Amino acid sequence: MHAHHHLVTRRRLLQCAGGFFAAAAFPLRVFGEDASVSRMMTTLSTFMSEAGNRALPDFVIEKTKHLILDTLAAMVSGSELPPGRFAIQFARSYAGEKVSTVVGANVLCGPIEAALANGMLAHADETDDTHPPSQSHPGCAVVPAALAVGEKFGITGSRFLRAVTLGYDIGPRVTATLGRLQYMVDSHRSTHAISGTFGSAAAAGGAASLNARQMRWLLSYTAQQASGLASWQRDTDHIEKAFDFGGMPARNGVTAALLVQAGGTGVDDVLSGADNFFQAFIPKNDPGMLVDKLGERYEITRTNVKKWTVGAPIQAPLDALDTLLRRDRFGADQVKQVVVRVAAAEATIVDNREIPDISLQHLMAVMLVDKTVSFKSAHDKARMADPAVLRERAKVQLVHDADLERLMPRREAIVEVTLTDGKLLTERVGNVRGTAENPMTRDDIIAKARDLITPVTGAATCQKLIDRVFDIENVKNVRDLRPLLQRA
């Protein structure tokens, strides 16, 4: 009777949302009498445990170096912004064990606190990378987690790089499976926080050299911490948003990895069986996407670097206006009107916002006045009241375009500039510079990093950090990066 009841219960559970798909695509494999682990979990945990010693293709290594440098640059520059200053002060107050680096400061603390602080530094503004297929910002959680745990265990530069690549592979696959933007709209959960939590856990687990079974426990601890609400969109100071996107996910992932590394055990398969992750989160897509082309398609290669240090929906409009200014060589005083068309949902995020680096109208005006947008100008709140900028801002009209909405997650923009002589100039940008389809070169990445790092650490230290990142395979201990990341 007991055995019959067990079978009925399992059948009913597997027919629930998520459990049915996981069971259908990945039949259960039995380990011992009571424990069962799905093929999906076996594939995932084995891949994760072997990542630290697995050679990567050259193009993946190069892209990973780009994103490590880009994220470190975001941390350094973020140290001078309000969310970054807050995070550093928090870390200083709870410093504890002096194990891991807090970037842009002279603080050492435990790896959990360092991951939290550096995650907030990395997303102190809109400088960090984005992964459109998963609606997430992987780097601001993954790189801090790999760095904090890597310092604790004194790992090599090669293992650090591979841990970062692994984090990008796992976190984005989770929210691609869940359903990206539509999932966030329907569930009110933040895909950015969920992706970051799984990504940072994978990176931290890789840095901690967890074996396959420990990786399964890691995923269970991570699933318990998978959290975050879309209410971050109401944060006007960007401090909570920095925590939601970077600090909390990095902290969660590092906590999970260190618990398991210290001997903590857990559920062997949180992806199948009673009350599993898919049943709780009800993905819009086939859960099989979680391991789709794992080891063949590297998600880091589908990650976008922001050429402009501003909100993602403003990237294409700035690119378009930059092209028009260079091509047609007109001044702000010759402009009668600027019409900007972007996807409707994207337009809502950046429409006349009170924060300079996510206000489309303001940044288009700054571009007209300065002929470019630098990190400094994008974050200069005082210029939002500058009469010269306000004069140009009054000319900018933002259109919430339904046709461009249908092209999402491709962030296209159309910019139409009408000059005072009646001439109409138009530029459409489909693949903005920095996207996977139109990637930035190594020189582009270095130029952006210099703009972000040099004002904080100086040109000589900045150059040494750039050289060390691009020679990361020869770094014997990731702690050697510390003097290049901190200020006196």
Protein backbone atom coordinates (compact mmCIF):
# COMPACT_ATOMS: atom_id res chain seq x y z
CA MET A 1 0.00 0.00 0.00
CA HIS A 2 2.81 2.39 0.90
CA ALA A 3 4.66 1.70 -2.38
CA HIS A 4 1.48 2.25 -4.41
CA HIS A 5 0.86 5.57 -2.64
CA HIS A 6 4.45 6.65 -3.42
CA LEU A 7 3.99 5.94 -7.15
CA VAL A 8 0.70 7.82 -7.32
CA THR A 9 2.21 10.81 -5.55
CA ARG A 10 5.19 10.90 -7.89
CA ARG A 11 2.97 10.64 -10.96
CA ARG A 12 0.84 13.54 -9.72
CA LEU A 13 3.89 15.67 -8.94
CA LEU A 14 5.47 15.06 -12.32
CA GLN A 15 2.30 16.26 -13.99
CA CYS A 16 2.59 19.62 -12.24
CA ALA A 17 4.05 22.57 -14.15
CA GLY A 18 7.74 22.11 -14.73
CA GLY A 19 7.98 18.66 -13.23
CA PHE A 20 6.21 17.15 -16.21
CA PHE A 21 8.58 18.71 -18.73
CA ALA A 22 11.68 17.91 -16.72
CA ALA A 23 10.65 14.30 -16.34
CA ALA A 24 9.63 13.90 -19.98
CA ALA A 25 12.84 15.34 -21.39
CA PHE A 26 15.19 13.99 -18.75
CA PRO A 27 14.11 10.61 -17.29
CA LEU A 28 15.20 9.98 -13.72
CA ARG A 29 18.30 7.92 -13.03
CA VAL A 30 18.43 6.12 -9.68
CA PHE A 31 21.41 6.43 -7.34
CA GLY A 32 20.86 4.02 -4.48
CA GLU A 33 17.51 2.99 -3.10
CA ASP A 34 16.10 6.38 -2.03
CA ALA A 35 17.98 9.01 -4.02
CA SER A 36 17.13 9.88 -7.60
CA VAL A 37 18.88 12.40 -9.79
CA SER A 38 17.56 13.52 -13.17
CA ARG A 39 19.61 13.37 -16.32
CA MET A 40 19.35 17.16 -16.49
CA MET A 41 20.92 17.57 -13.06
CA THR A 42 23.62 15.00 -13.86
CA THR A 43 24.49 16.86 -17.06
CA LEU A 44 24.51 20.23 -15.33
CA SER A 45 26.44 19.29 -12.19
CA THR A 46 29.05 17.29 -14.13
CA PHE A 47 29.61 20.17 -16.53
CA MET A 48 29.97 22.62 -13.65
CA SER A 49 32.40 20.44 -11.69
CA GLU A 50 34.67 19.93 -14.71
CA ALA A 51 34.69 23.56 -15.86
CA GLY A 52 37.73 24.56 -13.80
CA ASN A 53 39.99 22.19 -15.74
CA ARG A 54 38.27 22.36 -19.14
CA ALA A 55 40.14 24.16 -21.93
CA LEU A 56 38.13 26.92 -23.60
CA PRO A 57 38.19 28.01 -27.26
CA ASP A 58 40.39 31.03 -27.94
CA PHE A 59 37.46 33.27 -28.90
CA VAL A 60 35.73 32.47 -25.58
CA ILE A 61 38.91 33.23 -23.63
CA GLU A 62 39.24 36.58 -25.40
CA LYS A 63 35.59 37.54 -24.77
CA THR A 64 35.89 36.51 -21.11
CA LYS A 65 38.92 38.77 -20.70
CA HIS A 66 36.92 41.62 -22.27
CA LEU A 67 34.11 41.16 -19.76
CA ILE A 68 36.40 40.71 -16.75
CA LEU A 69 38.10 44.01 -17.58
CA ASP A 70 34.79 45.71 -18.35
CA THR A 71 33.28 44.59 -15.02
CA LEU A 72 36.37 45.50 -13.00
CA ALA A 73 36.25 48.93 -14.66
CA ALA A 74 32.59 49.25 -13.67
CA MET A 75 33.55 48.43 -10.07
CA VAL A 76 36.39 50.97 -9.99
CA SER A 77 34.29 53.77 -11.49
CA GLY A 78 31.33 52.76 -9.34
CA SER A 79 33.40 53.39 -6.21
CA GLU A 80 32.87 57.13 -6.72
CA LEU A 81 29.08 56.95 -7.17
CA PRO A 82 26.57 57.01 -4.27
CA PRO A 83 25.73 53.26 -4.41
CA GLY A 84 29.43 52.42 -4.51
CA ARG A 85 30.35 54.74 -1.64
CA PHE A 86 27.53 53.22 0.39
CA ALA A 87 28.70 49.66 -0.37
CA ILE A 88 32.29 50.45 0.61
CA GLN A 89 31.17 52.01 3.87
CA PHE A 90 28.99 48.98 4.60
CA ALA A 91 31.92 46.63 3.94
CA ARG A 92 34.19 48.76 6.13
CA SER A 93 31.69 48.52 9.00
CA TYR A 94 31.45 44.72 8.74
CA ALA A 95 34.98 43.99 7.57
CA GLY A 96 35.68 40.95 9.76
CA GLU A 97 38.19 38.52 8.27
CA LYS A 98 40.68 40.19 5.89
CA VAL A 99 40.46 37.76 2.99
CA SER A 100 38.96 39.42 -0.08
CA THR A 101 39.37 42.75 -1.87
CA VAL A 102 36.82 45.54 -1.95
CA VAL A 103 37.54 47.32 -5.22
CA GLY A 104 38.22 51.07 -5.31
CA ALA A 105 38.89 51.23 -1.55
CA ASN A 106 41.49 50.11 0.99
CA VAL A 107 39.12 47.59 2.61
CA LEU A 108 39.66 43.84 3.01
CA CYS A 109 36.87 41.68 4.39
CA GLY A 110 35.31 38.24 4.25
CA PRO A 111 34.40 36.85 0.82
CA ILE A 112 30.63 37.12 1.39
CA GLU A 113 30.85 40.80 2.32
CA ALA A 114 33.35 41.51 -0.49
CA ALA A 115 31.08 39.87 -3.06
CA LEU A 116 28.14 41.96 -1.86
CA ALA A 117 30.12 45.22 -1.94
CA ASN A 118 31.79 44.56 -5.29
CA GLY A 119 28.48 43.49 -6.83
CA MET A 120 26.98 46.83 -5.82
CA LEU A 121 30.06 48.62 -7.16
CA ALA A 122 29.73 46.83 -10.50
CA HIS A 123 26.11 47.94 -10.87
CA ALA A 124 26.49 51.30 -9.16
CA ASP A 125 25.21 52.67 -12.44
CA GLU A 126 24.54 51.38 -15.98
CA THR A 127 28.15 50.67 -16.98
CA ASP A 128 28.10 46.87 -16.74
CA ASP A 129 27.27 44.27 -19.39
CA THR A 130 23.87 42.87 -20.40
CA HIS A 131 22.66 39.52 -21.76
CA PRO A 132 19.45 40.17 -23.79
CA PRO A 133 18.48 36.50 -24.36
CA SER A 134 18.06 36.10 -20.59
CA GLN A 135 17.06 39.63 -19.49
CA SER A 136 20.02 39.86 -17.13
CA HIS A 137 23.28 41.62 -16.23
CA PRO A 138 25.62 38.66 -15.63
CA GLY A 139 28.96 40.35 -14.97
CA CYS A 140 28.01 42.43 -11.93
CA ALA A 141 27.30 39.26 -9.93
CA VAL A 142 29.54 36.66 -11.60
CA VAL A 143 32.89 38.50 -11.56
CA PRO A 144 32.63 39.68 -7.91
CA ALA A 145 31.73 36.14 -6.81
CA ALA A 146 34.62 34.52 -8.70
CA LEU A 147 37.04 37.15 -7.39
CA ALA A 148 35.95 36.90 -3.73
CA VAL A 149 36.05 33.09 -3.58
CA GLY A 150 39.13 32.98 -5.80
CA GLU A 151 41.00 35.13 -3.30
CA LYS A 152 39.90 32.95 -0.39
CA PHE A 153 41.35 29.84 -2.02
CA GLY A 154 44.24 31.53 -3.83
CA ILE A 155 43.27 30.21 -7.27
CA THR A 156 45.21 30.77 -10.48
CA GLY A 157 44.23 33.27 -13.13
CA SER A 158 43.22 30.43 -15.46
CA ARG A 159 40.78 28.95 -12.94
CA PHE A 160 39.41 32.44 -12.25
CA LEU A 161 38.77 32.97 -15.97
CA ARG A 162 37.07 29.58 -16.31
CA ALA A 163 34.93 30.23 -13.24
CA VAL A 164 33.74 33.49 -14.78
CA THR A 165 32.91 31.78 -18.09
CA LEU A 166 30.97 29.12 -16.17
CA GLY A 167 28.96 31.75 -14.30
CA TYR A 168 27.90 33.34 -17.58
CA ASP A 169 26.89 29.92 -18.90
CA ILE A 170 24.62 28.97 -15.98
CA GLY A 171 22.89 32.13 -14.71
CA PRO A 172 21.54 33.38 -18.06
CA ARG A 173 20.32 29.90 -19.02
CA VAL A 174 18.10 29.88 -15.92
CA THR A 175 16.15 33.02 -16.81
CA ALA A 176 16.14 32.24 -20.54
CA THR A 177 14.33 29.07 -19.45
CA LEU A 178 11.99 30.99 -17.17
CA GLY A 179 11.03 33.42 -19.91
CA ARG A 180 12.96 36.74 -19.82
CA LEU A 181 10.99 40.02 -19.87
CA GLN A 182 7.53 38.49 -20.18
CA TYR A 183 8.28 36.25 -17.21
CA MET A 184 9.27 39.31 -15.17
CA VAL A 185 6.12 41.18 -16.21
CA ASP A 186 3.79 38.26 -15.42
CA SER A 187 5.46 37.01 -12.22
CA HIS A 188 6.72 40.35 -10.81
CA ARG A 189 10.03 38.59 -10.14
CA SER A 190 13.35 40.08 -11.21
CA THR A 191 15.10 38.00 -13.86
CA HIS A 192 18.26 40.04 -13.20
CA ALA A 193 18.46 38.92 -9.56
CA ILE A 194 17.61 35.28 -10.30
CA SER A 195 20.11 34.97 -13.15
CA GLY A 196 22.78 36.70 -11.08
CA THR A 197 22.24 34.37 -8.12
CA PHE A 198 22.66 31.21 -10.21
CA GLY A 199 25.53 32.72 -12.21
CA SER A 200 27.47 33.82 -9.15
CA ALA A 201 26.90 30.46 -7.47
CA ALA A 202 28.30 28.62 -10.47
CA ALA A 203 31.30 30.96 -10.62
CA ALA A 204 31.93 30.64 -6.87
CA GLY A 205 31.50 26.86 -7.05
CA GLY A 206 34.02 26.73 -9.87
CA ALA A 207 36.48 28.86 -7.91
CA ALA A 208 35.99 26.60 -4.86
CA SER A 209 36.63 23.45 -6.97
CA LEU A 210 33.42 21.71 -5.93
CA ASN A 211 32.85 18.17 -7.23
CA ALA A 212 29.72 17.06 -9.11
CA ARG A 213 27.71 16.09 -6.03
CA GLN A 214 28.71 19.29 -4.25
CA MET A 215 27.57 21.24 -7.33
CA ARG A 216 24.15 19.57 -6.98
CA TRP A 217 23.98 20.70 -3.37
CA LEU A 218 25.21 24.14 -4.45
CA LEU A 219 22.29 24.41 -6.88
CA SER A 220 19.86 23.45 -4.12
CA TYR A 221 21.20 26.12 -1.76
CA THR A 222 21.07 28.56 -4.69
CA ALA A 223 17.48 27.71 -5.60
CA GLN A 224 16.46 28.43 -2.01
CA GLN A 225 17.95 31.91 -2.39
CA ALA A 226 16.54 32.60 -5.87
CA SER A 227 14.74 35.86 -5.22
CA GLY A 228 14.22 39.42 -6.33
CA LEU A 229 11.18 41.49 -7.24
CA ALA A 230 10.65 43.69 -10.29
CA SER A 231 9.93 46.52 -7.85
CA TRP A 232 13.56 47.60 -8.40
CA GLN A 233 12.13 49.67 -11.26
CA ARG A 234 10.79 52.11 -8.63
CA ASP A 235 14.21 52.74 -7.06
CA THR A 236 15.19 56.33 -7.88
CA ASP A 237 18.58 56.36 -6.10
CA HIS A 238 19.97 53.19 -7.76
CA ILE A 239 21.24 51.97 -4.37
CA GLU A 240 18.71 49.18 -3.92
CA LYS A 241 18.95 48.39 -7.64
CA ALA A 242 22.72 47.94 -7.24
CA PHE A 243 21.97 45.47 -4.45
CA ASP A 244 19.22 43.71 -6.44
CA PHE A 245 21.29 43.24 -9.62
CA GLY A 246 24.81 42.81 -8.24
CA GLY A 247 25.23 42.78 -4.48
CA MET A 248 22.52 40.35 -3.42
CA PRO A 249 23.10 37.79 -6.21
CA ALA A 250 26.88 37.83 -5.66
CA ARG A 251 26.40 37.42 -1.92
CA ASN A 252 23.88 34.59 -2.45
CA GLY A 253 26.14 32.65 -4.79
CA VAL A 254 29.23 32.99 -2.61
CA THR A 255 27.25 32.00 0.49
CA ALA A 256 25.98 28.84 -1.25
CA ALA A 257 29.45 27.86 -2.44
CA LEU A 258 31.13 28.41 0.91
CA LEU A 259 28.42 26.49 2.79
CA VAL A 260 28.94 23.48 0.55
CA GLN A 261 32.73 23.78 0.53
CA ALA A 262 32.65 23.81 4.33
CA GLY A 263 30.81 20.48 4.36
CA GLY A 264 27.16 21.47 4.07
CA THR A 265 24.98 18.84 2.39
CA GLY A 266 21.69 19.40 0.62
CA VAL A 267 18.99 18.10 -1.69
CA ASP A 268 20.57 16.04 -4.47
CA ASP A 269 18.27 17.28 -7.23
CA VAL A 270 16.34 20.52 -6.83
CA LEU A 271 15.31 20.34 -10.50
CA SER A 272 13.11 17.23 -10.14
CA GLY A 273 10.97 15.44 -7.57
CA ALA A 274 8.65 16.92 -4.98
CA ASP A 275 8.51 20.73 -4.74
CA ASN A 276 11.28 21.25 -7.29
CA PHE A 277 12.53 24.53 -8.73
CA PHE A 278 10.48 24.31 -11.92
CA GLN A 279 7.26 23.66 -10.01
CA ALA A 280 7.95 26.69 -7.83
CA PHE A 281 8.95 29.08 -10.61
CA ILE A 282 6.80 27.69 -13.47
CA PRO A 283 8.98 28.48 -16.51
CA LYS A 284 7.42 29.70 -19.73
CA ASN A 285 9.89 27.67 -21.78
CA ASP A 286 10.95 24.02 -21.87
CA PRO A 287 13.24 23.43 -18.85
CA GLY A 288 15.52 21.53 -21.24
CA MET A 289 16.83 24.98 -22.26
CA LEU A 290 18.80 24.94 -19.02
CA VAL A 291 21.31 22.50 -20.50
CA ASP A 292 20.75 23.27 -24.18
CA LYS A 293 24.10 23.22 -26.05
CA LEU A 294 26.01 23.39 -22.76
CA GLY A 295 29.68 23.32 -23.68
CA GLU A 296 28.90 24.22 -27.31
CA ARG A 297 27.20 27.62 -27.06
CA TYR A 298 28.96 29.89 -24.60
CA GLU A 299 26.59 32.51 -23.21
CA ILE A 300 29.46 34.91 -22.65
CA THR A 301 29.65 35.28 -26.45
CA ARG A 302 26.00 36.43 -26.47
CA THR A 303 26.67 39.10 -23.84
CA ASN A 304 26.67 42.77 -24.79
CA VAL A 305 29.19 45.33 -23.62
CA LYS A 306 27.89 48.88 -23.27
CA LYS A 307 29.85 51.27 -25.44
CA TRP A 308 28.06 54.12 -23.71
CA THR A 309 27.97 54.08 -19.89
CA VAL A 310 24.21 54.59 -19.77
CA GLY A 311 21.01 52.55 -19.57
CA ALA A 312 20.74 49.84 -22.23
CA PRO A 313 17.68 51.31 -24.04
CA ILE A 314 19.69 54.52 -24.70
CA GLN A 315 22.64 52.75 -26.35
CA ALA A 316 21.18 52.61 -29.87
CA PRO A 317 19.78 56.19 -29.83
CA LEU A 318 23.20 57.56 -28.80
CA ASP A 319 24.90 55.46 -31.47
CA ALA A 320 22.49 56.81 -34.09
CA LEU A 321 22.94 60.45 -33.05
CA ASP A 322 26.73 59.98 -32.89
CA THR A 323 26.67 58.67 -36.47
CA LEU A 324 24.57 61.63 -37.66
CA LEU A 325 26.82 64.17 -35.93
CA ARG A 326 29.95 62.66 -37.48
CA ARG A 327 28.44 62.25 -40.93
CA ASP A 328 26.48 65.48 -41.33
CA ARG A 329 28.53 67.77 -39.08
CA PHE A 330 25.84 70.03 -37.62
CA GLY A 331 25.79 72.00 -34.39
CA ALA A 332 23.18 72.03 -31.65
CA ASP A 333 22.04 75.50 -32.73
CA GLN A 334 21.14 74.07 -36.16
CA VAL A 335 18.75 71.49 -34.67
CA LYS A 336 15.01 72.20 -34.63
CA GLN A 337 13.75 68.81 -33.39
CA VAL A 338 14.99 65.31 -32.51
CA VAL A 339 12.56 62.38 -32.63
CA VAL A 340 13.73 59.13 -31.04
CA ARG A 341 11.86 55.87 -31.58
CA VAL A 342 12.53 52.87 -29.34
CA ALA A 343 10.52 49.82 -28.25
CA ALA A 344 7.54 50.81 -26.10
CA ALA A 345 8.57 48.85 -22.97
CA GLU A 346 12.14 50.12 -23.25
CA ALA A 347 10.97 53.71 -23.69
CA THR A 348 9.09 53.54 -20.39
CA ILE A 349 12.33 52.72 -18.53
CA VAL A 350 14.22 55.78 -19.84
CA ASP A 351 11.48 58.36 -20.47
CA ASN A 352 12.44 61.63 -18.74
CA ARG A 353 13.90 59.80 -15.74
CA GLU A 354 15.31 61.77 -12.81
CA ILE A 355 18.67 59.90 -12.94
CA PRO A 356 20.98 61.35 -15.63
CA ASP A 357 22.43 58.09 -16.97
CA ILE A 358 18.98 56.56 -17.59
CA SER A 359 17.20 59.68 -18.91
CA LEU A 360 17.05 59.43 -22.69
CA GLN A 361 16.00 63.02 -23.35
CA HIS A 362 18.76 64.37 -21.12
CA LEU A 363 21.52 62.25 -22.64
CA MET A 364 20.50 63.05 -26.21
CA ALA A 365 20.74 66.73 -25.23
CA VAL A 366 24.19 66.17 -23.69
CA MET A 367 25.28 64.48 -26.93
CA LEU A 368 24.08 67.48 -28.95
CA VAL A 369 26.00 69.91 -26.74
CA ASP A 370 29.21 67.87 -26.20
CA LYS A 371 29.24 65.78 -29.42
CA THR A 372 29.81 62.72 -27.20
CA VAL A 373 28.78 61.22 -23.85
CA SER A 374 31.51 60.26 -21.39
CA PHE A 375 31.21 58.46 -18.06
CA LYS A 376 31.62 61.82 -16.31
CA SER A 377 29.00 63.66 -18.34
CA ALA A 378 26.50 60.78 -18.07
CA HIS A 379 26.67 60.96 -14.27
CA ASP A 380 26.76 64.72 -13.78
CA LYS A 381 23.39 65.37 -12.17
CA ALA A 382 24.04 69.11 -12.01
CA ARG A 383 23.91 69.24 -15.80
CA MET A 384 20.27 68.23 -15.69
CA ALA A 385 19.66 71.86 -14.66
CA ASP A 386 22.17 73.38 -17.11
CA PRO A 387 20.31 75.91 -19.35
CA ALA A 388 22.35 74.84 -22.41
CA VAL A 389 21.36 71.20 -21.91
CA LEU A 390 17.74 72.06 -21.09
CA ARG A 391 17.49 74.09 -24.29
CA GLU A 392 18.43 71.02 -26.35
CA ARG A 393 16.39 68.66 -24.21
CA ALA A 394 13.23 70.59 -25.09
CA LYS A 395 13.82 69.59 -28.72
CA VAL A 396 13.88 65.83 -27.98
CA GLN A 397 10.70 63.79 -28.43
CA LEU A 398 10.60 60.11 -27.41
CA VAL A 399 8.20 57.80 -29.25
CA HIS A 400 7.13 54.50 -27.62
CA ASP A 401 7.21 52.45 -30.82
CA ALA A 402 5.04 49.33 -31.05
CA ASP A 403 6.76 48.08 -34.23
CA LEU A 404 10.19 48.18 -32.57
CA GLU A 405 8.67 46.44 -29.55
CA ARG A 406 8.00 43.40 -31.73
CA LEU A 407 11.73 43.13 -32.49
CA MET A 408 12.72 42.74 -28.83
CA PRO A 409 15.09 41.58 -27.35
CA ARG A 410 16.85 43.29 -30.27
CA ARG A 411 17.09 46.91 -29.13
CA GLU A 412 16.70 48.93 -32.30
CA ALA A 413 16.31 52.69 -32.47
CA ILE A 414 15.43 55.26 -35.10
CA VAL A 415 16.61 58.84 -34.68
CA GLU A 416 15.24 61.65 -36.87
CA VAL A 417 16.89 65.07 -36.67
CA THR A 418 15.13 68.03 -38.30
CA LEU A 419 17.45 70.98 -38.87
CA THR A 420 16.37 74.62 -38.80
CA ASP A 421 16.71 74.78 -42.61
CA GLY A 422 14.11 72.00 -42.92
CA LYS A 423 16.54 69.21 -43.79
CA LEU A 424 15.60 65.82 -42.28
CA LEU A 425 18.39 63.44 -41.18
CA THR A 426 17.55 59.85 -40.27
CA GLU A 427 19.61 56.99 -38.82
CA ARG A 428 18.43 53.53 -37.77
CA VAL A 429 20.61 51.36 -35.54
CA GLY A 430 19.84 47.66 -35.34
CA ASN A 431 22.96 46.17 -33.79
CA VAL A 432 24.47 48.79 -31.54
CA ARG A 433 28.23 48.77 -31.10
CA GLY A 434 29.09 46.36 -28.29
CA THR A 435 26.36 43.83 -29.02
CA ALA A 436 27.20 40.24 -29.84
CA GLU A 437 26.30 40.98 -33.48
CA ASN A 438 28.51 44.10 -33.62
CA PRO A 439 31.15 43.50 -30.94
CA MET A 440 33.65 45.97 -29.60
CA THR A 441 37.29 45.21 -30.34
CA ARG A 442 39.96 44.71 -27.68
CA ASP A 443 41.05 48.32 -28.30
CA ASP A 444 37.45 49.53 -27.81
CA ILE A 445 37.22 47.67 -24.50
CA ILE A 446 40.55 49.08 -23.34
CA ALA A 447 39.54 52.64 -24.28
CA LYS A 448 36.33 52.32 -22.25
CA ALA A 449 38.24 50.86 -19.30
CA ARG A 450 40.73 53.73 -19.34
CA ASP A 451 37.89 56.27 -19.26
CA LEU A 452 36.46 54.54 -16.18
CA ILE A 453 39.59 53.52 -14.25
CA THR A 454 42.22 56.23 -14.81
CA PRO A 455 40.42 59.01 -12.88
CA VAL A 456 40.31 56.72 -9.82
CA THR A 457 43.62 54.81 -9.76
CA GLY A 458 45.80 56.77 -12.18
CA ALA A 459 47.05 55.93 -15.66
CA ALA A 460 49.99 53.71 -14.63
CA THR A 461 47.94 51.43 -12.36
CA CYS A 462 45.17 51.30 -14.96
CA GLN A 463 47.63 50.13 -17.63
CA LYS A 464 49.07 47.46 -15.32
CA LEU A 465 45.57 46.12 -14.63
CA ILE A 466 44.77 46.02 -18.35
CA ASP A 467 48.00 44.14 -19.05
CA ARG A 468 47.38 41.69 -16.19
CA VAL A 469 43.82 40.88 -17.29
CA PHE A 470 44.90 40.15 -20.85
CA ASP A 471 47.67 37.93 -19.49
CA ILE A 472 45.43 36.32 -16.87
CA GLU A 473 46.59 32.78 -17.74
CA ASN A 474 50.00 33.62 -16.29
CA VAL A 475 48.67 35.02 -13.01
CA LYS A 476 49.66 32.46 -10.37
CA ASN A 477 47.31 33.79 -7.68
CA VAL A 478 44.27 35.98 -8.28
CA ARG A 479 45.18 37.89 -5.11
CA ASP A 480 47.94 39.48 -7.20
CA LEU A 481 45.25 41.70 -8.77
CA ARG A 482 44.56 43.38 -5.41
CA PRO A 483 47.07 46.28 -5.56
CA LEU A 484 45.78 47.14 -9.04
CA LEU A 485 42.14 47.28 -7.90
CA GLN A 486 42.43 49.22 -4.67
CA ARG A 487 43.30 52.81 -3.93
CA ALA A 488 45.64 53.90 -1.18
